[in-house]
Amino acid sequence: MPSKSLPTHWIIAALILLVVIAAGGYLLLHQAHKTAPAAPAAASTAPAPATSAPAPEYHPISEASVSPAPASTTPLPALDDSDGMLRDALTRLGGADAGKLLVGGSFIQRFVATVNALPGERLPSNVLPLHSPNGSFLVEQQDGATVMAPANARRYARYASLLEQADAQKLVDWYVHAYPLFQDAWRQLGYPKSQFNDRLVQVLDLLLKTPVPVETPQLEGADGLYRFVDPQLENLAIGQKILLRLSPAQETAVLAKLRAIRAKLVGRHPSAAPSQ
């Protein structure tokens, strides 16, 4: 792939965005009495009947704010052939080891499935597009209470830093350029009558509501199965709970970047979001 065909460092920013939000496992593997927003049907959901009307576009991709110059004039590969493009870009930026971050194949399909699952109770490990950061979830005792150990934040430091350095405008430029691939994956997931961009903006809106705790949240449980003592935190969606694994400074920086990306995605004339 010619070096000017795609802005490779912004492809990597998209990968890092996924790692920060989706990788790292679960705070709680078996949740009870969950009241988080329900995610749409899983990947096995049958497509809507052909006679059904298309869903309205609340955030048309055409309204996204893009740079005057196109992100690329190179034709996109077919969805099933897009893995090489992404793996090559990751390797060019971070070396051979960076290219090994990708899990298996079907990266864009995995990305779409992961985004779709973030508002739910669980994030199936078989849809994650990247390997999780090294290490295990750690807890410690603080004033007689169980809390997340500060060492957990170091597992995400590299990813959070790269995301913070990413340019929201160039990231959105590439996403708009590659959007047909994301929409193809969304249709394959079982949503032929709606737009993936609407779902992405909806999920970003949810993540942006994640609180930044003033004090380290207390946990209860044992043997790797922990839950938040605070019911307001325990009832958050899985995507929000994963953000709470970051340090307050990391979470604040990530939320700021997600806010900037969201602003570019909806452009200057955002449509009303669907009620939940």
C-alpha atoms as a PDB file:
ATOM      1  CA  MET A   1       0.000   0.000   0.000  1.00  0.00           C
ATOM      2  CA  PRO A   2       1.551   3.367  -0.954  1.00  0.00           C
ATOM      3  CA  SER A   3       2.504   5.515   1.985  1.00  0.00           C
ATOM      4  CA  LYS A   4       0.087   8.261   0.949  1.00  0.00           C
ATOM      5  CA  SER A   5      -2.916   6.028   0.306  1.00  0.00           C
ATOM      6  CA  LEU A   6      -4.268   6.183   3.869  1.00  0.00           C
ATOM      7  CA  PRO A   7      -3.286   8.235   6.946  1.00  0.00           C
ATOM      8  CA  THR A   8      -1.880   5.243   8.801  1.00  0.00           C
ATOM      9  CA  HIS A   9      -1.326   6.941  12.136  1.00  0.00           C
ATOM     10  CA  TRP A  10      -5.018   7.770  12.354  1.00  0.00           C
ATOM     11  CA  ILE A  11      -5.926   4.177  11.601  1.00  0.00           C
ATOM     12  CA  ILE A  12      -3.853   3.364  14.653  1.00  0.00           C
ATOM     13  CA  ALA A  13      -5.730   5.996  16.645  1.00  0.00           C
ATOM     14  CA  ALA A  14      -8.917   4.129  15.801  1.00  0.00           C
ATOM     15  CA  LEU A  15      -7.340   0.905  17.032  1.00  0.00           C
ATOM     16  CA  ILE A  16      -6.197   2.560  20.239  1.00  0.00           C
ATOM     17  CA  LEU A  17      -9.670   3.978  20.776  1.00  0.00           C
ATOM     18  CA  LEU A  18     -10.988   0.433  20.680  1.00  0.00           C
ATOM     19  CA  VAL A  19      -8.317  -0.870  23.036  1.00  0.00           C
ATOM     20  CA  VAL A  20      -8.970   1.797  25.643  1.00  0.00           C
ATOM     21  CA  ILE A  21     -12.711   1.277  25.567  1.00  0.00           C
ATOM     22  CA  ALA A  22     -13.045  -2.414  24.925  1.00  0.00           C
ATOM     23  CA  ALA A  23      -9.955  -4.352  25.978  1.00  0.00           C
ATOM     24  CA  GLY A  24      -8.921  -5.453  29.410  1.00  0.00           C
ATOM     25  CA  GLY A  25     -11.709  -7.836  30.361  1.00  0.00           C
ATOM     26  CA  TYR A  26     -14.479  -7.328  32.867  1.00  0.00           C
ATOM     27  CA  LEU A  27     -14.767  -5.770  36.295  1.00  0.00           C
ATOM     28  CA  LEU A  28     -17.556  -8.223  36.976  1.00  0.00           C
ATOM     29  CA  LEU A  29     -18.065 -11.463  35.059  1.00  0.00           C
ATOM     30  CA  HIS A  30     -21.389 -12.442  36.576  1.00  0.00           C
ATOM     31  CA  GLN A  31     -23.600  -9.416  37.154  1.00  0.00           C
ATOM     32  CA  ALA A  32     -26.911  -9.463  38.944  1.00  0.00           C
ATOM     33  CA  HIS A  33     -29.829  -7.018  39.086  1.00  0.00           C
ATOM     34  CA  LYS A  34     -28.436  -5.083  36.122  1.00  0.00           C
ATOM     35  CA  THR A  35     -30.275  -1.991  34.914  1.00  0.00           C
ATOM     36  CA  ALA A  36     -27.888  -0.664  32.280  1.00  0.00           C
ATOM     37  CA  PRO A  37     -29.297   0.308  28.861  1.00  0.00           C
ATOM     38  CA  ALA A  38     -30.014  -2.781  26.818  1.00  0.00           C
ATOM     39  CA  ALA A  39     -27.929  -3.337  23.698  1.00  0.00           C
ATOM     40  CA  PRO A  40     -29.595  -4.202  20.391  1.00  0.00           C
ATOM     41  CA  ALA A  41     -29.757  -7.825  19.384  1.00  0.00           C
ATOM     42  CA  ALA A  42     -26.541  -9.812  19.030  1.00  0.00           C
ATOM     43  CA  ALA A  43     -24.747 -10.713  15.840  1.00  0.00           C
ATOM     44  CA  SER A  44     -26.966 -13.744  15.314  1.00  0.00           C
ATOM     45  CA  THR A  45     -30.072 -11.573  14.993  1.00  0.00           C
ATOM     46  CA  ALA A  46     -31.852 -12.174  11.733  1.00  0.00           C
ATOM     47  CA  PRO A  47     -31.977  -9.215   9.334  1.00  0.00           C
ATOM     48  CA  ALA A  48     -35.152  -7.162   9.295  1.00  0.00           C
ATOM     49  CA  PRO A  49     -37.763  -8.214   6.736  1.00  0.00           C
ATOM     50  CA  ALA A  50     -37.217  -6.739   3.292  1.00  0.00           C
ATOM     51  CA  THR A  51     -40.573  -4.983   3.505  1.00  0.00           C
ATOM     52  CA  SER A  52     -39.644  -2.972   6.585  1.00  0.00           C
ATOM     53  CA  ALA A  53     -38.874   0.710   6.091  1.00  0.00           C
ATOM     54  CA  PRO A  54     -35.309   1.942   6.668  1.00  0.00           C
ATOM     55  CA  ALA A  55     -34.728   3.493  10.070  1.00  0.00           C
ATOM     56  CA  PRO A  56     -34.337   7.277  10.056  1.00  0.00           C
ATOM     57  CA  GLU A  57     -30.775   8.593  10.006  1.00  0.00           C
ATOM     58  CA  TYR A  58     -30.246  10.669  13.127  1.00  0.00           C
ATOM     59  CA  HIS A  59     -26.593  11.338  12.362  1.00  0.00           C
ATOM     60  CA  PRO A  60     -25.984  10.949   8.601  1.00  0.00           C
ATOM     61  CA  ILE A  61     -22.350  10.334   7.771  1.00  0.00           C
ATOM     62  CA  SER A  62     -22.661  13.099   5.185  1.00  0.00           C
ATOM     63  CA  GLU A  63     -23.029  15.645   8.010  1.00  0.00           C
ATOM     64  CA  ALA A  64     -19.703  14.751   9.638  1.00  0.00           C
ATOM     65  CA  SER A  65     -17.117  17.526   9.649  1.00  0.00           C
ATOM     66  CA  VAL A  66     -14.297  16.543   7.300  1.00  0.00           C
ATOM     67  CA  SER A  67     -11.207  18.342   6.078  1.00  0.00           C
ATOM     68  CA  PRO A  68     -11.404  20.086   2.690  1.00  0.00           C
ATOM     69  CA  ALA A  69      -8.974  17.555   1.206  1.00  0.00           C
ATOM     70  CA  PRO A  70     -10.235  13.948   1.071  1.00  0.00           C
ATOM     71  CA  ALA A  71      -8.599  11.450   3.402  1.00  0.00           C
ATOM     72  CA  SER A  72      -7.652   9.249   0.474  1.00  0.00           C
ATOM     73  CA  THR A  73      -8.408   8.721  -3.196  1.00  0.00           C
ATOM     74  CA  THR A  74      -7.395   5.059  -3.073  1.00  0.00           C
ATOM     75  CA  PRO A  75     -10.334   2.689  -3.576  1.00  0.00           C
ATOM     76  CA  LEU A  76     -11.306   0.776  -0.468  1.00  0.00           C
ATOM     77  CA  PRO A  77     -10.788  -2.971  -0.380  1.00  0.00           C
ATOM     78  CA  ALA A  78     -13.725  -5.285   0.110  1.00  0.00           C
ATOM     79  CA  LEU A  79     -14.687  -5.773   3.747  1.00  0.00           C
ATOM     80  CA  ASP A  80     -13.329  -9.315   3.805  1.00  0.00           C
ATOM     81  CA  ASP A  81     -10.022  -8.050   2.393  1.00  0.00           C
ATOM     82  CA  SER A  82      -9.556  -5.084   4.752  1.00  0.00           C
ATOM     83  CA  ASP A  83      -7.518  -6.834   7.479  1.00  0.00           C
ATOM     84  CA  GLY A  84      -4.237  -6.541   5.581  1.00  0.00           C
ATOM     85  CA  MET A  85      -4.673  -2.799   5.172  1.00  0.00           C
ATOM     86  CA  LEU A  86      -5.111  -2.327   8.905  1.00  0.00           C
ATOM     87  CA  ARG A  87      -2.386  -4.752   9.940  1.00  0.00           C
ATOM     88  CA  ASP A  88       0.108  -3.091   7.579  1.00  0.00           C
ATOM     89  CA  ALA A  89      -0.753   0.334   8.976  1.00  0.00           C
ATOM     90  CA  LEU A  90      -0.296  -0.825  12.565  1.00  0.00           C
ATOM     91  CA  THR A  91       3.036  -2.440  11.740  1.00  0.00           C
ATOM     92  CA  ARG A  92       4.297   0.683   9.972  1.00  0.00           C
ATOM     93  CA  LEU A  93       3.610   2.812  13.015  1.00  0.00           C
ATOM     94  CA  GLY A  94       4.693   0.563  15.860  1.00  0.00           C
ATOM     95  CA  GLY A  95       6.826  -2.165  14.306  1.00  0.00           C
ATOM     96  CA  ALA A  96       6.231  -5.884  13.930  1.00  0.00           C
ATOM     97  CA  ASP A  97       5.176  -6.321  17.548  1.00  0.00           C
ATOM     98  CA  ALA A  98       2.452  -3.691  17.144  1.00  0.00           C
ATOM     99  CA  GLY A  99       0.959  -5.628  14.257  1.00  0.00           C
ATOM    100  CA  LYS A 100       0.516  -8.563  16.615  1.00  0.00           C
ATOM    101  CA  LEU A 101      -2.043  -6.584  18.639  1.00  0.00           C
ATOM    102  CA  LEU A 102      -4.769  -7.551  16.202  1.00  0.00           C
ATOM    103  CA  VAL A 103      -6.766 -10.620  17.175  1.00  0.00           C
ATOM    104  CA  GLY A 104      -7.344 -13.064  14.344  1.00  0.00           C
ATOM    105  CA  GLY A 105      -9.132 -11.453  11.407  1.00  0.00           C
ATOM    106  CA  SER A 106     -12.297  -9.540  10.568  1.00  0.00           C
ATOM    107  CA  PHE A 107     -11.101  -6.455  12.428  1.00  0.00           C
ATOM    108  CA  ILE A 108     -13.807  -4.068  11.219  1.00  0.00           C
ATOM    109  CA  GLN A 109     -16.508  -6.654  11.906  1.00  0.00           C
ATOM    110  CA  ARG A 110     -15.115  -7.084  15.430  1.00  0.00           C
ATOM    111  CA  PHE A 111     -14.960  -3.308  15.910  1.00  0.00           C
ATOM    112  CA  VAL A 112     -18.614  -2.912  14.932  1.00  0.00           C
ATOM    113  CA  ALA A 113     -19.719  -5.807  17.159  1.00  0.00           C
ATOM    114  CA  THR A 114     -17.744  -4.390  20.096  1.00  0.00           C
ATOM    115  CA  VAL A 115     -19.232  -0.908  19.731  1.00  0.00           C
ATOM    116  CA  ASN A 116     -22.685  -2.453  19.561  1.00  0.00           C
ATOM    117  CA  ALA A 117     -22.100  -4.391  22.790  1.00  0.00           C
ATOM    118  CA  LEU A 118     -20.715  -1.547  24.935  1.00  0.00           C
ATOM    119  CA  PRO A 119     -24.115  -0.335  26.230  1.00  0.00           C
ATOM    120  CA  GLY A 120     -25.047  -3.803  27.461  1.00  0.00           C
ATOM    121  CA  GLU A 121     -24.192  -5.935  30.471  1.00  0.00           C
ATOM    122  CA  ARG A 122     -21.388  -7.989  28.976  1.00  0.00           C
ATOM    123  CA  LEU A 123     -18.743  -7.691  26.295  1.00  0.00           C
ATOM    124  CA  PRO A 124     -18.150 -11.074  24.628  1.00  0.00           C
ATOM    125  CA  SER A 125     -14.420 -11.735  24.452  1.00  0.00           C
ATOM    126  CA  ASN A 126     -14.766 -13.327  21.022  1.00  0.00           C
ATOM    127  CA  VAL A 127     -15.618  -9.983  19.377  1.00  0.00           C
ATOM    128  CA  LEU A 128     -12.650  -7.960  20.669  1.00  0.00           C
ATOM    129  CA  PRO A 129     -10.426  -6.895  17.746  1.00  0.00           C
ATOM    130  CA  LEU A 130      -7.242  -6.439  19.804  1.00  0.00           C
ATOM    131  CA  HIS A 131      -5.409  -8.324  22.493  1.00  0.00           C
ATOM    132  CA  SER A 132      -5.926  -7.061  26.028  1.00  0.00           C
ATOM    133  CA  PRO A 133      -3.158  -5.189  27.855  1.00  0.00           C
ATOM    134  CA  ASN A 134      -0.732  -7.379  29.774  1.00  0.00           C
ATOM    135  CA  GLY A 135      -1.328  -8.206  33.400  1.00  0.00           C
ATOM    136  CA  SER A 136      -4.341  -8.983  35.544  1.00  0.00           C
ATOM    137  CA  PHE A 137      -6.862  -6.867  37.387  1.00  0.00           C
ATOM    138  CA  LEU A 138      -5.474  -6.012  40.837  1.00  0.00           C
ATOM    139  CA  VAL A 139      -7.126  -4.860  44.053  1.00  0.00           C
ATOM    140  CA  GLU A 140      -5.744  -3.587  47.342  1.00  0.00           C
ATOM    141  CA  GLN A 141      -6.988  -2.685  50.796  1.00  0.00           C
ATOM    142  CA  GLN A 142      -7.459   1.011  51.562  1.00  0.00           C
ATOM    143  CA  ASP A 143      -8.764   2.042  54.987  1.00  0.00           C
ATOM    144  CA  GLY A 144     -10.321  -1.368  55.400  1.00  0.00           C
ATOM    145  CA  ALA A 145     -12.061  -1.319  52.011  1.00  0.00           C
ATOM    146  CA  THR A 146     -11.268  -3.179  48.802  1.00  0.00           C
ATOM    147  CA  VAL A 147     -10.439  -0.845  45.901  1.00  0.00           C
ATOM    148  CA  MET A 148      -8.796  -1.044  42.494  1.00  0.00           C
ATOM    149  CA  ALA A 149      -5.007  -0.920  42.785  1.00  0.00           C
ATOM    150  CA  PRO A 150      -3.300   2.087  41.146  1.00  0.00           C
ATOM    151  CA  ALA A 151      -1.126  -0.376  39.248  1.00  0.00           C
ATOM    152  CA  ASN A 152      -4.107  -1.164  37.022  1.00  0.00           C
ATOM    153  CA  ALA A 153      -3.862   2.285  35.420  1.00  0.00           C
ATOM    154  CA  ARG A 154      -0.320   1.539  34.262  1.00  0.00           C
ATOM    155  CA  ARG A 155      -1.653  -1.291  32.088  1.00  0.00           C
ATOM    156  CA  TYR A 156      -3.540   1.301  30.030  1.00  0.00           C
ATOM    157  CA  ALA A 157      -0.988   4.133  30.108  1.00  0.00           C
ATOM    158  CA  ARG A 158       0.386   3.515  26.615  1.00  0.00           C
ATOM    159  CA  TYR A 159      -3.049   3.220  25.039  1.00  0.00           C
ATOM    160  CA  ALA A 160      -4.494   6.246  26.812  1.00  0.00           C
ATOM    161  CA  SER A 161      -1.458   8.331  25.848  1.00  0.00           C
ATOM    162  CA  LEU A 162      -1.703   7.412  22.171  1.00  0.00           C
ATOM    163  CA  LEU A 163      -5.409   8.187  22.117  1.00  0.00           C
ATOM    164  CA  GLU A 164      -4.799  11.543  23.794  1.00  0.00           C
ATOM    165  CA  GLN A 165      -2.267  12.425  21.088  1.00  0.00           C
ATOM    166  CA  ALA A 166      -4.588  11.456  18.231  1.00  0.00           C
ATOM    167  CA  ASP A 167      -6.049  14.224  16.065  1.00  0.00           C
ATOM    168  CA  ALA A 168      -9.841  13.950  16.206  1.00  0.00           C
ATOM    169  CA  GLN A 169     -10.271  15.639  12.828  1.00  0.00           C
ATOM    170  CA  LYS A 170      -7.924  13.308  10.966  1.00  0.00           C
ATOM    171  CA  LEU A 171      -9.385  10.292  12.713  1.00  0.00           C
ATOM    172  CA  VAL A 172     -12.882  11.264  11.602  1.00  0.00           C
ATOM    173  CA  ASP A 173     -11.584  12.025   8.095  1.00  0.00           C
ATOM    174  CA  TRP A 174     -10.367   8.445   7.785  1.00  0.00           C
ATOM    175  CA  TYR A 175     -13.507   6.995   9.343  1.00  0.00           C
ATOM    176  CA  VAL A 176     -15.712   8.874   6.855  1.00  0.00           C
ATOM    177  CA  HIS A 177     -13.499   7.671   4.005  1.00  0.00           C
ATOM    178  CA  ALA A 178     -13.720   4.058   5.196  1.00  0.00           C
ATOM    179  CA  TYR A 179     -17.356   4.257   6.322  1.00  0.00           C
ATOM    180  CA  PRO A 180     -18.722   1.914   3.600  1.00  0.00           C
ATOM    181  CA  LEU A 181     -16.718  -0.902   5.222  1.00  0.00           C
ATOM    182  CA  PHE A 182     -18.194  -0.169   8.662  1.00  0.00           C
ATOM    183  CA  GLN A 183     -21.701  -0.033   7.184  1.00  0.00           C
ATOM    184  CA  ASP A 184     -21.158  -3.365   5.416  1.00  0.00           C
ATOM    185  CA  ALA A 185     -20.123  -4.895   8.742  1.00  0.00           C
ATOM    186  CA  TRP A 186     -23.197  -3.364  10.423  1.00  0.00           C
ATOM    187  CA  ARG A 187     -25.453  -4.967   7.826  1.00  0.00           C
ATOM    188  CA  GLN A 188     -23.736  -8.308   8.353  1.00  0.00           C
ATOM    189  CA  LEU A 189     -24.345  -7.966  12.078  1.00  0.00           C
ATOM    190  CA  GLY A 190     -28.078  -7.972  11.359  1.00  0.00           C
ATOM    191  CA  TYR A 191     -29.082  -4.311  10.881  1.00  0.00           C
ATOM    192  CA  PRO A 192     -29.632  -3.780   7.141  1.00  0.00           C
ATOM    193  CA  LYS A 193     -32.130  -0.947   7.601  1.00  0.00           C
ATOM    194  CA  SER A 194     -30.140   1.351   9.878  1.00  0.00           C
ATOM    195  CA  GLN A 195     -26.786   3.143   9.918  1.00  0.00           C
ATOM    196  CA  PHE A 196     -23.765   2.171  11.994  1.00  0.00           C
ATOM    197  CA  ASN A 197     -22.875   5.836  12.489  1.00  0.00           C
ATOM    198  CA  ASP A 198     -26.123   6.368  14.405  1.00  0.00           C
ATOM    199  CA  ARG A 199     -25.175   3.514  16.720  1.00  0.00           C
ATOM    200  CA  LEU A 200     -21.625   4.811  17.148  1.00  0.00           C
ATOM    201  CA  VAL A 201     -22.814   8.286  18.142  1.00  0.00           C
ATOM    202  CA  GLN A 202     -25.362   6.747  20.508  1.00  0.00           C
ATOM    203  CA  VAL A 203     -22.624   4.696  22.187  1.00  0.00           C
ATOM    204  CA  LEU A 204     -20.300   7.705  22.416  1.00  0.00           C
ATOM    205  CA  ASP A 205     -23.094   9.644  24.113  1.00  0.00           C
ATOM    206  CA  LEU A 206     -23.429   6.866  26.671  1.00  0.00           C
ATOM    207  CA  LEU A 207     -19.692   6.689  27.327  1.00  0.00           C
ATOM    208  CA  LEU A 208     -19.524  10.455  27.753  1.00  0.00           C
ATOM    209  CA  LYS A 209     -21.942  10.126  30.655  1.00  0.00           C
ATOM    210  CA  THR A 210     -19.467   7.958  32.573  1.00  0.00           C
ATOM    211  CA  PRO A 211     -18.720   9.604  35.934  1.00  0.00           C
ATOM    212  CA  VAL A 212     -15.151  10.390  36.984  1.00  0.00           C
ATOM    213  CA  PRO A 213     -15.073   9.309  40.665  1.00  0.00           C
ATOM    214  CA  VAL A 214     -13.620  11.802  43.124  1.00  0.00           C
ATOM    215  CA  GLU A 215     -12.490   8.924  45.340  1.00  0.00           C
ATOM    216  CA  THR A 216     -11.404   5.426  44.362  1.00  0.00           C
ATOM    217  CA  PRO A 217     -14.586   3.331  44.138  1.00  0.00           C
ATOM    218  CA  GLN A 218     -14.972   0.562  46.684  1.00  0.00           C
ATOM    219  CA  LEU A 219     -15.444  -3.022  45.536  1.00  0.00           C
ATOM    220  CA  GLU A 220     -16.896  -6.164  47.027  1.00  0.00           C
ATOM    221  CA  GLY A 221     -16.312  -9.765  46.056  1.00  0.00           C
ATOM    222  CA  ALA A 222     -13.343 -12.108  45.775  1.00  0.00           C
ATOM    223  CA  ASP A 223     -11.373 -14.372  43.461  1.00  0.00           C
ATOM    224  CA  GLY A 224     -11.539 -12.004  40.505  1.00  0.00           C
ATOM    225  CA  LEU A 225     -15.315 -11.513  40.707  1.00  0.00           C
ATOM    226  CA  TYR A 226     -15.848  -7.982  41.953  1.00  0.00           C
ATOM    227  CA  ARG A 227     -18.695  -5.528  41.868  1.00  0.00           C
ATOM    228  CA  PHE A 228     -18.946  -1.877  42.793  1.00  0.00           C
ATOM    229  CA  VAL A 229     -20.335  -1.205  46.253  1.00  0.00           C
ATOM    230  CA  ASP A 230     -21.951   1.994  44.927  1.00  0.00           C
ATOM    231  CA  PRO A 231     -25.138   0.865  43.123  1.00  0.00           C
ATOM    232  CA  GLN A 232     -24.964   3.835  40.737  1.00  0.00           C
ATOM    233  CA  LEU A 233     -21.614   2.591  39.473  1.00  0.00           C
ATOM    234  CA  GLU A 234     -22.663  -1.056  39.531  1.00  0.00           C
ATOM    235  CA  ASN A 235     -25.628  -0.245  37.288  1.00  0.00           C
ATOM    236  CA  LEU A 236     -23.500   1.357  34.584  1.00  0.00           C
ATOM    237  CA  ALA A 237     -23.103  -0.284  31.179  1.00  0.00           C
ATOM    238  CA  ILE A 238     -20.100  -2.506  30.556  1.00  0.00           C
ATOM    239  CA  GLY A 239     -18.441   0.144  28.374  1.00  0.00           C
ATOM    240  CA  GLN A 240     -18.682   2.675  31.184  1.00  0.00           C
ATOM    241  CA  LYS A 241     -17.353   0.193  33.745  1.00  0.00           C
ATOM    242  CA  ILE A 242     -14.320  -0.449  31.580  1.00  0.00           C
ATOM    243  CA  LEU A 243     -13.611   3.292  31.437  1.00  0.00           C
ATOM    244  CA  LEU A 244     -13.658   3.306  35.236  1.00  0.00           C
ATOM    245  CA  ARG A 245     -10.628   1.016  35.164  1.00  0.00           C
ATOM    246  CA  LEU A 246      -8.540   4.007  34.071  1.00  0.00           C
ATOM    247  CA  SER A 247      -7.080   6.477  36.528  1.00  0.00           C
ATOM    248  CA  PRO A 248      -9.146   9.682  36.939  1.00  0.00           C
ATOM    249  CA  ALA A 249      -6.578  11.586  34.837  1.00  0.00           C
ATOM    250  CA  GLN A 250      -6.641   8.939  32.098  1.00  0.00           C
ATOM    251  CA  GLU A 251     -10.423   8.779  32.089  1.00  0.00           C
ATOM    252  CA  THR A 252     -10.716  12.572  31.889  1.00  0.00           C
ATOM    253  CA  ALA A 253      -8.331  12.674  28.919  1.00  0.00           C
ATOM    254  CA  VAL A 254     -10.096   9.811  27.135  1.00  0.00           C
ATOM    255  CA  LEU A 255     -13.518  11.390  27.645  1.00  0.00           C
ATOM    256  CA  ALA A 256     -12.200  14.689  26.277  1.00  0.00           C
ATOM    257  CA  LYS A 257     -10.984  12.925  23.138  1.00  0.00           C
ATOM    258  CA  LEU A 258     -14.255  11.021  22.732  1.00  0.00           C
ATOM    259  CA  ARG A 259     -16.111  14.328  23.082  1.00  0.00           C
ATOM    260  CA  ALA A 260     -14.003  15.866  20.323  1.00  0.00           C
ATOM    261  CA  ILE A 261     -14.550  12.866  18.063  1.00  0.00           C
ATOM    262  CA  ARG A 262     -18.280  12.976  18.710  1.00  0.00           C
ATOM    263  CA  ALA A 263     -18.414  16.664  17.797  1.00  0.00           C
ATOM    264  CA  LYS A 264     -16.725  15.960  14.462  1.00  0.00           C
ATOM    265  CA  LEU A 265     -18.991  12.991  13.740  1.00  0.00           C
ATOM    266  CA  VAL A 266     -22.198  14.989  14.040  1.00  0.00           C
ATOM    267  CA  GLY A 267     -20.827  18.001  12.154  1.00  0.00           C
ATOM    268  CA  ARG A 268     -22.352  21.441  12.356  1.00  0.00           C
ATOM    269  CA  HIS A 269     -25.922  20.308  11.886  1.00  0.00           C
ATOM    270  CA  PRO A 270     -26.528  17.312  14.189  1.00  0.00           C
ATOM    271  CA  SER A 271     -29.956  15.726  14.028  1.00  0.00           C
ATOM    272  CA  ALA A 272     -31.951  14.919  17.142  1.00  0.00           C
ATOM    273  CA  ALA A 273     -30.822  11.734  18.810  1.00  0.00           C
ATOM    274  CA  PRO A 274     -33.338   8.916  19.257  1.00  0.00           C
ATOM    275  CA  SER A 275     -34.946   8.669  22.664  1.00  0.00           C
ATOM    276  CA  GLN A 276     -33.818   5.763  24.811  1.00  0.00           C
END
